All heavy atoms as atom14 arrays in JSON, in Angstrom:
{
  "sequence": "AIFLTTKATELFVQHLAMSSYNNGSGKDTNT",
  "atom14_mask": [
    [1, 1, 1, 1, 1, 0, 0, 0, 0, 0, 0, 0, 0, 0],
    [1, 1, 1, 1, 1, 1, 1, 1, 0, 0, 0, 0, 0, 0],
    [1, 1, 1, 1, 1, 1, 1, 1, 1, 1, 1, 0, 0, 0],
    [1, 1, 1, 1, 1, 1, 1, 1, 0, 0, 0, 0, 0, 0],
    [1, 1, 1, 1, 1, 1, 1, 0, 0, 0, 0, 0, 0, 0],
    [1, 1, 1, 1, 1, 1, 1, 0, 0, 0, 0, 0, 0, 0],
    [1, 1, 1, 1, 1, 1, 1, 1, 1, 0, 0, 0, 0, 0],
    [1, 1, 1, 1, 1, 0, 0, 0, 0, 0, 0, 0, 0, 0],
    [1, 1, 1, 1, 1, 1, 1, 0, 0, 0, 0, 0, 0, 0],
    [1, 1, 1, 1, 1, 1, 1, 1, 1, 0, 0, 0, 0, 0],
    [1, 1, 1, 1, 1, 1, 1, 1, 0, 0, 0, 0, 0, 0],
    [1, 1, 1, 1, 1, 1, 1, 1, 1, 1, 1, 0, 0, 0],
    [1, 1, 1, 1, 1, 1, 1, 0, 0, 0, 0, 0, 0, 0],
    [1, 1, 1, 1, 1, 1, 1, 1, 1, 0, 0, 0, 0, 0],
    [1, 1, 1, 1, 1, 1, 1, 1, 1, 1, 0, 0, 0, 0],
    [1, 1, 1, 1, 1, 1, 1, 1, 0, 0, 0, 0, 0, 0],
    [1, 1, 1, 1, 1, 0, 0, 0, 0, 0, 0, 0, 0, 0],
    [1, 1, 1, 1, 1, 1, 1, 1, 0, 0, 0, 0, 0, 0],
    [1, 1, 1, 1, 1, 1, 0, 0, 0, 0, 0, 0, 0, 0],
    [1, 1, 1, 1, 1, 1, 0, 0, 0, 0, 0, 0, 0, 0],
    [1, 1, 1, 1, 1, 1, 1, 1, 1, 1, 1, 1, 0, 0],
    [1, 1, 1, 1, 1, 1, 1, 1, 0, 0, 0, 0, 0, 0],
    [1, 1, 1, 1, 1, 1, 1, 1, 0, 0, 0, 0, 0, 0],
    [1, 1, 1, 1, 0, 0, 0, 0, 0, 0, 0, 0, 0, 0],
    [1, 1, 1, 1, 1, 1, 0, 0, 0, 0, 0, 0, 0, 0],
    [1, 1, 1, 1, 0, 0, 0, 0, 0, 0, 0, 0, 0, 0],
    [1, 1, 1, 1, 1, 1, 1, 1, 1, 0, 0, 0, 0, 0],
    [1, 1, 1, 1, 1, 1, 1, 1, 0, 0, 0, 0, 0, 0],
    [1, 1, 1, 1, 1, 1, 1, 0, 0, 0, 0, 0, 0, 0],
    [1, 1, 1, 1, 1, 1, 1, 1, 0, 0, 0, 0, 0, 0],
    [1, 1, 1, 1, 1, 1, 1, 0, 0, 0, 0, 0, 0, 0]
  ],
  "atom14_positions": [
    [[-13.1, -3.8, 15.57], [-11.77, -4.51, 15.49], [-11.95, -6.03, 15.36], [-11.34, -6.72, 14.55], [-11.11, -4.24, 16.67], [0.0, 0.0, 0.0], [0.0, 0.0, 0.0], [0.0, 0.0, 0.0], [0.0, 0.0, 0.0], [0.0, 0.0, 0.0], [0.0, 0.0, 0.0], [0.0, 0.0, 0.0], [0.0, 0.0, 0.0], [0.0, 0.0, 0.0]],
    [[-13.1, -6.56, 15.97], [-13.5, -8.0, 15.8], [-13.77, -8.28, 14.27], [-13.37, -9.24, 13.65], [-14.5, -8.54, 16.59], [-13.95, -8.37, 18.15], [-15.03, -9.85, 16.49], [-14.99, -8.57, 19.29], [0.0, 0.0, 0.0], [0.0, 0.0, 0.0], [0.0, 0.0, 0.0], [0.0, 0.0, 0.0], [0.0, 0.0, 0.0], [0.0, 0.0, 0.0]],
    [[-14.62, -7.42, 13.75], [-15.14, -7.5, 12.43], [-14.05, -7.42, 11.34], [-13.84, -8.38, 10.64], [-16.1, -6.53, 12.11], [-16.52, -6.52, 10.5], [-17.41, -7.44, 10.17], [-15.95, -5.64, 9.64], [-17.71, -7.42, 8.74], [-16.25, -5.6, 8.33], [-17.18, -6.53, 7.85], [0.0, 0.0, 0.0], [0.0, 0.0, 0.0], [0.0, 0.0, 0.0]],
    [[-13.14, -6.47, 11.65], [-11.97, -6.38, 10.65], [-10.98, -7.51, 10.76], [-10.41, -8.07, 9.81], [-11.2, -5.02, 10.9], [-11.94, -3.79, 10.47], [-11.19, -2.49, 11.01], [-12.19, -3.71, 9.09], [0.0, 0.0, 0.0], [0.0, 0.0, 0.0], [0.0, 0.0, 0.0], [0.0, 0.0, 0.0], [0.0, 0.0, 0.0], [0.0, 0.0, 0.0]],
    [[-10.77, -8.1, 12.06], [-9.88, -9.15, 12.17], [-10.55, -10.35, 11.48], [-9.81, -11.22, 10.82], [-9.6, -9.49, 13.62], [-9.06, -8.22, 14.21], [-8.68, -10.61, 13.8], [0.0, 0.0, 0.0], [0.0, 0.0, 0.0], [0.0, 0.0, 0.0], [0.0, 0.0, 0.0], [0.0, 0.0, 0.0], [0.0, 0.0, 0.0], [0.0, 0.0, 0.0]],
    [[-11.83, -10.49, 11.65], [-12.58, -11.78, 11.01], [-12.4, -11.57, 9.53], [-12.2, -12.57, 8.84], [-14.0, -11.72, 11.51], [-14.08, -11.82, 12.85], [-14.61, -13.01, 10.96], [0.0, 0.0, 0.0], [0.0, 0.0, 0.0], [0.0, 0.0, 0.0], [0.0, 0.0, 0.0], [0.0, 0.0, 0.0], [0.0, 0.0, 0.0], [0.0, 0.0, 0.0]],
    [[-12.68, -10.41, 9.01], [-12.68, -10.18, 7.6], [-11.24, -10.53, 7.04], [-10.95, -11.11, 5.98], [-13.22, -8.83, 7.14], [-13.41, -8.56, 5.64], [-14.62, -9.61, 5.24], [-14.94, -9.33, 3.85], [-15.92, -10.32, 3.4], [0.0, 0.0, 0.0], [0.0, 0.0, 0.0], [0.0, 0.0, 0.0], [0.0, 0.0, 0.0], [0.0, 0.0, 0.0]],
    [[-10.24, -9.91, 7.79], [-8.84, -10.08, 7.23], [-8.51, -11.64, 7.29], [-7.75, -12.09, 6.4], [-7.86, -9.31, 8.18], [0.0, 0.0, 0.0], [0.0, 0.0, 0.0], [0.0, 0.0, 0.0], [0.0, 0.0, 0.0], [0.0, 0.0, 0.0], [0.0, 0.0, 0.0], [0.0, 0.0, 0.0], [0.0, 0.0, 0.0], [0.0, 0.0, 0.0]],
    [[-8.93, -12.33, 8.32], [-8.61, -13.76, 8.38], [-9.27, -14.51, 7.22], [-8.65, -15.29, 6.66], [-9.24, -14.3, 9.71], [-8.53, -13.64, 10.74], [-8.96, -15.89, 9.77], [0.0, 0.0, 0.0], [0.0, 0.0, 0.0], [0.0, 0.0, 0.0], [0.0, 0.0, 0.0], [0.0, 0.0, 0.0], [0.0, 0.0, 0.0], [0.0, 0.0, 0.0]],
    [[-10.57, -14.15, 6.86], [-11.08, -14.7, 5.72], [-10.4, -14.52, 4.45], [-10.18, -15.41, 3.59], [-12.57, -14.23, 5.57], [-13.53, -14.89, 6.47], [-14.91, -14.34, 6.32], [-15.2, -13.64, 5.38], [-15.84, -14.65, 7.16], [0.0, 0.0, 0.0], [0.0, 0.0, 0.0], [0.0, 0.0, 0.0], [0.0, 0.0, 0.0], [0.0, 0.0, 0.0]],
    [[-10.0, -13.28, 4.24], [-9.18, -12.95, 2.99], [-7.94, -13.65, 3.03], [-7.47, -14.01, 1.9], [-9.1, -11.35, 2.9], [-10.44, -10.61, 2.72], [-10.18, -9.01, 2.8], [-10.97, -11.07, 1.45], [0.0, 0.0, 0.0], [0.0, 0.0, 0.0], [0.0, 0.0, 0.0], [0.0, 0.0, 0.0], [0.0, 0.0, 0.0], [0.0, 0.0, 0.0]],
    [[-7.28, -13.8, 4.02], [-5.93, -14.48, 4.11], [-6.13, -15.92, 3.77], [-5.44, -16.49, 2.96], [-5.4, -14.34, 5.47], [-4.19, -15.21, 5.64], [-2.88, -14.87, 5.11], [-4.17, -16.44, 6.34], [-1.78, -15.79, 5.16], [-3.12, -17.13, 6.46], [-1.95, -16.93, 5.97], [0.0, 0.0, 0.0], [0.0, 0.0, 0.0], [0.0, 0.0, 0.0]],
    [[-7.26, -16.53, 4.36], [-7.52, -17.96, 4.04], [-7.86, -18.15, 2.48], [-7.29, -19.0, 1.93], [-8.57, -18.59, 4.93], [-9.11, -19.8, 4.59], [-8.1, -18.6, 6.37], [0.0, 0.0, 0.0], [0.0, 0.0, 0.0], [0.0, 0.0, 0.0], [0.0, 0.0, 0.0], [0.0, 0.0, 0.0], [0.0, 0.0, 0.0], [0.0, 0.0, 0.0]],
    [[-8.59, -17.2, 2.02], [-8.89, -17.31, 0.57], [-7.66, -17.13, -0.25], [-7.48, -17.92, -1.24], [-9.91, -16.18, 0.32], [-11.31, -16.47, 0.69], [-12.24, -15.22, 0.27], [-11.7, -14.15, 0.0], [-13.46, -15.58, 0.56], [0.0, 0.0, 0.0], [0.0, 0.0, 0.0], [0.0, 0.0, 0.0], [0.0, 0.0, 0.0], [0.0, 0.0, 0.0]],
    [[-6.79, -16.1, 0.09], [-5.49, -16.0, -0.66], [-4.64, -17.29, -0.63], [-4.02, -17.68, -1.62], [-4.86, -14.72, -0.07], [-3.5, -14.42, -0.77], [-3.42, -14.03, -2.15], [-2.23, -14.48, -0.32], [-2.18, -13.96, -2.52], [-1.41, -14.13, -1.36], [0.0, 0.0, 0.0], [0.0, 0.0, 0.0], [0.0, 0.0, 0.0], [0.0, 0.0, 0.0]],
    [[-4.6, -17.86, 0.61], [-3.68, -19.12, 0.78], [-4.46, -20.18, -0.06], [-3.62, -20.95, -0.82], [-3.65, -19.44, 2.2], [-3.13, -20.88, 2.51], [-1.59, -20.85, 2.02], [-3.13, -21.13, 3.97], [0.0, 0.0, 0.0], [0.0, 0.0, 0.0], [0.0, 0.0, 0.0], [0.0, 0.0, 0.0], [0.0, 0.0, 0.0], [0.0, 0.0, 0.0]],
    [[-5.65, -20.44, -0.06], [-6.3, -21.4, -0.88], [-6.23, -21.17, -2.26], [-5.94, -22.09, -3.08], [-7.85, -21.5, -0.54], [0.0, 0.0, 0.0], [0.0, 0.0, 0.0], [0.0, 0.0, 0.0], [0.0, 0.0, 0.0], [0.0, 0.0, 0.0], [0.0, 0.0, 0.0], [0.0, 0.0, 0.0], [0.0, 0.0, 0.0], [0.0, 0.0, 0.0]],
    [[-6.37, -19.93, -2.78], [-6.2, -19.57, -4.2], [-4.72, -19.89, -4.66], [-4.55, -20.43, -5.74], [-6.59, -18.17, -4.56], [-8.1, -17.99, -4.6], [-9.0, -18.98, -5.79], [-8.19, -18.31, -7.35], [0.0, 0.0, 0.0], [0.0, 0.0, 0.0], [0.0, 0.0, 0.0], [0.0, 0.0, 0.0], [0.0, 0.0, 0.0], [0.0, 0.0, 0.0]],
    [[-3.85, -19.39, -3.94], [-2.33, -19.65, -4.21], [-2.06, -21.13, -4.2], [-1.37, -21.61, -5.2], [-1.41, -18.96, -3.26], [-1.6, -17.65, -3.24], [0.0, 0.0, 0.0], [0.0, 0.0, 0.0], [0.0, 0.0, 0.0], [0.0, 0.0, 0.0], [0.0, 0.0, 0.0], [0.0, 0.0, 0.0], [0.0, 0.0, 0.0], [0.0, 0.0, 0.0]],
    [[-2.54, -21.96, -3.34], [-2.3, -23.4, -3.39], [-2.95, -23.95, -4.43], [-2.53, -24.89, -5.02], [-2.87, -23.93, -1.86], [-2.2, -23.29, -0.89], [0.0, 0.0, 0.0], [0.0, 0.0, 0.0], [0.0, 0.0, 0.0], [0.0, 0.0, 0.0], [0.0, 0.0, 0.0], [0.0, 0.0, 0.0], [0.0, 0.0, 0.0], [0.0, 0.0, 0.0]],
    [[-4.22, -23.64, -4.8], [-5.03, -24.22, -5.88], [-4.32, -23.91, -7.25], [-4.11, -24.82, -8.0], [-6.38, -23.56, -5.99], [-7.17, -24.04, -7.0], [-7.78, -25.33, -6.93], [-7.5, -23.29, -8.12], [-8.67, -25.82, -8.03], [-8.21, -23.89, -9.18], [-8.77, -25.03, -9.18], [-9.57, -25.5, -10.25], [0.0, 0.0, 0.0], [0.0, 0.0, 0.0]],
    [[-3.83, -22.73, -7.47], [-3.24, -22.27, -8.63], [-1.78, -22.99, -8.8], [-1.43, -23.37, -9.95], [-2.99, -20.79, -8.79], [-4.26, -20.08, -8.97], [-5.2, -20.58, -9.52], [-4.38, -18.79, -8.54], [0.0, 0.0, 0.0], [0.0, 0.0, 0.0], [0.0, 0.0, 0.0], [0.0, 0.0, 0.0], [0.0, 0.0, 0.0], [0.0, 0.0, 0.0]],
    [[-1.08, -23.28, -7.75], [0.16, -23.93, -7.75], [0.14, -25.38, -7.56], [1.07, -26.15, -7.73], [1.06, -23.37, -6.77], [1.42, -21.91, -6.97], [1.43, -21.38, -8.02], [1.54, -20.99, -5.89], [0.0, 0.0, 0.0], [0.0, 0.0, 0.0], [0.0, 0.0, 0.0], [0.0, 0.0, 0.0], [0.0, 0.0, 0.0], [0.0, 0.0, 0.0]],
    [[-1.06, -25.88, -7.18], [-1.22, -27.22, -6.74], [-1.59, -28.36, -7.86], [-1.57, -27.79, -9.05], [0.0, 0.0, 0.0], [0.0, 0.0, 0.0], [0.0, 0.0, 0.0], [0.0, 0.0, 0.0], [0.0, 0.0, 0.0], [0.0, 0.0, 0.0], [0.0, 0.0, 0.0], [0.0, 0.0, 0.0], [0.0, 0.0, 0.0], [0.0, 0.0, 0.0]],
    [[-1.69, -29.51, -7.48], [-1.91, -30.58, -8.46], [-3.4, -30.72, -8.75], [-3.7, -31.6, -9.58], [-1.21, -31.83, -7.94], [-1.83, -32.25, -6.63], [0.0, 0.0, 0.0], [0.0, 0.0, 0.0], [0.0, 0.0, 0.0], [0.0, 0.0, 0.0], [0.0, 0.0, 0.0], [0.0, 0.0, 0.0], [0.0, 0.0, 0.0], [0.0, 0.0, 0.0]],
    [[-4.25, -30.18, -7.93], [-5.64, -30.45, -8.16], [-6.39, -29.51, -9.07], [-7.62, -29.57, -9.02], [0.0, 0.0, 0.0], [0.0, 0.0, 0.0], [0.0, 0.0, 0.0], [0.0, 0.0, 0.0], [0.0, 0.0, 0.0], [0.0, 0.0, 0.0], [0.0, 0.0, 0.0], [0.0, 0.0, 0.0], [0.0, 0.0, 0.0], [0.0, 0.0, 0.0]],
    [[-5.67, -28.74, -9.81], [-6.25, -27.88, -10.79], [-7.27, -28.71, -11.85], [-8.29, -28.21, -12.21], [-5.31, -27.15, -11.66], [-5.41, -25.64, -11.5], [-4.31, -25.02, -12.37], [-4.4, -23.58, -12.11], [-3.4, -22.84, -12.9], [0.0, 0.0, 0.0], [0.0, 0.0, 0.0], [0.0, 0.0, 0.0], [0.0, 0.0, 0.0], [0.0, 0.0, 0.0]],
    [[-6.76, -29.9, -12.3], [-7.51, -30.69, -13.15], [-8.82, -31.23, -12.57], [-9.83, -31.38, -13.34], [-6.68, -31.79, -13.87], [-5.36, -31.21, -14.37], [-5.39, -30.04, -14.83], [-4.33, -31.89, -14.25], [0.0, 0.0, 0.0], [0.0, 0.0, 0.0], [0.0, 0.0, 0.0], [0.0, 0.0, 0.0], [0.0, 0.0, 0.0], [0.0, 0.0, 0.0]],
    [[-8.7, -31.65, -11.37], [-9.97, -32.13, -10.71], [-10.75, -31.22, -9.81], [-11.61, -31.63, -9.14], [-9.5, -33.41, -9.75], [-8.56, -33.04, -8.94], [-8.85, -34.43, -10.69], [0.0, 0.0, 0.0], [0.0, 0.0, 0.0], [0.0, 0.0, 0.0], [0.0, 0.0, 0.0], [0.0, 0.0, 0.0], [0.0, 0.0, 0.0], [0.0, 0.0, 0.0]],
    [[-10.26, -29.92, -9.85], [-11.01, -29.01, -8.95], [-10.97, -29.29, -7.5], [-11.83, -29.2, -6.85], [-12.42, -28.62, -9.39], [-12.57, -27.75, -10.56], [-11.57, -27.1, -10.85], [-13.53, -27.85, -11.33], [0.0, 0.0, 0.0], [0.0, 0.0, 0.0], [0.0, 0.0, 0.0], [0.0, 0.0, 0.0], [0.0, 0.0, 0.0], [0.0, 0.0, 0.0]],
    [[-9.74, -29.78, -7.03], [-9.77, -30.14, -5.62], [-8.47, -29.46, -4.99], [-7.47, -28.93, -5.79], [-9.41, -31.66, -5.44], [-8.21, -32.04, -6.24], [-10.61, -32.32, -5.99], [0.0, 0.0, 0.0], [0.0, 0.0, 0.0], [0.0, 0.0, 0.0], [0.0, 0.0, 0.0], [0.0, 0.0, 0.0], [0.0, 0.0, 0.0], [0.0, 0.0, 0.0]]
  ]
}
């Protein structure tokens, strides 16, 4: 359960970061 929660948290953070990156202003500068 700890492993699955940790992995789910990582995937959520990656999804949030990718969505923010794709919709954000830093696409040109990779930030």
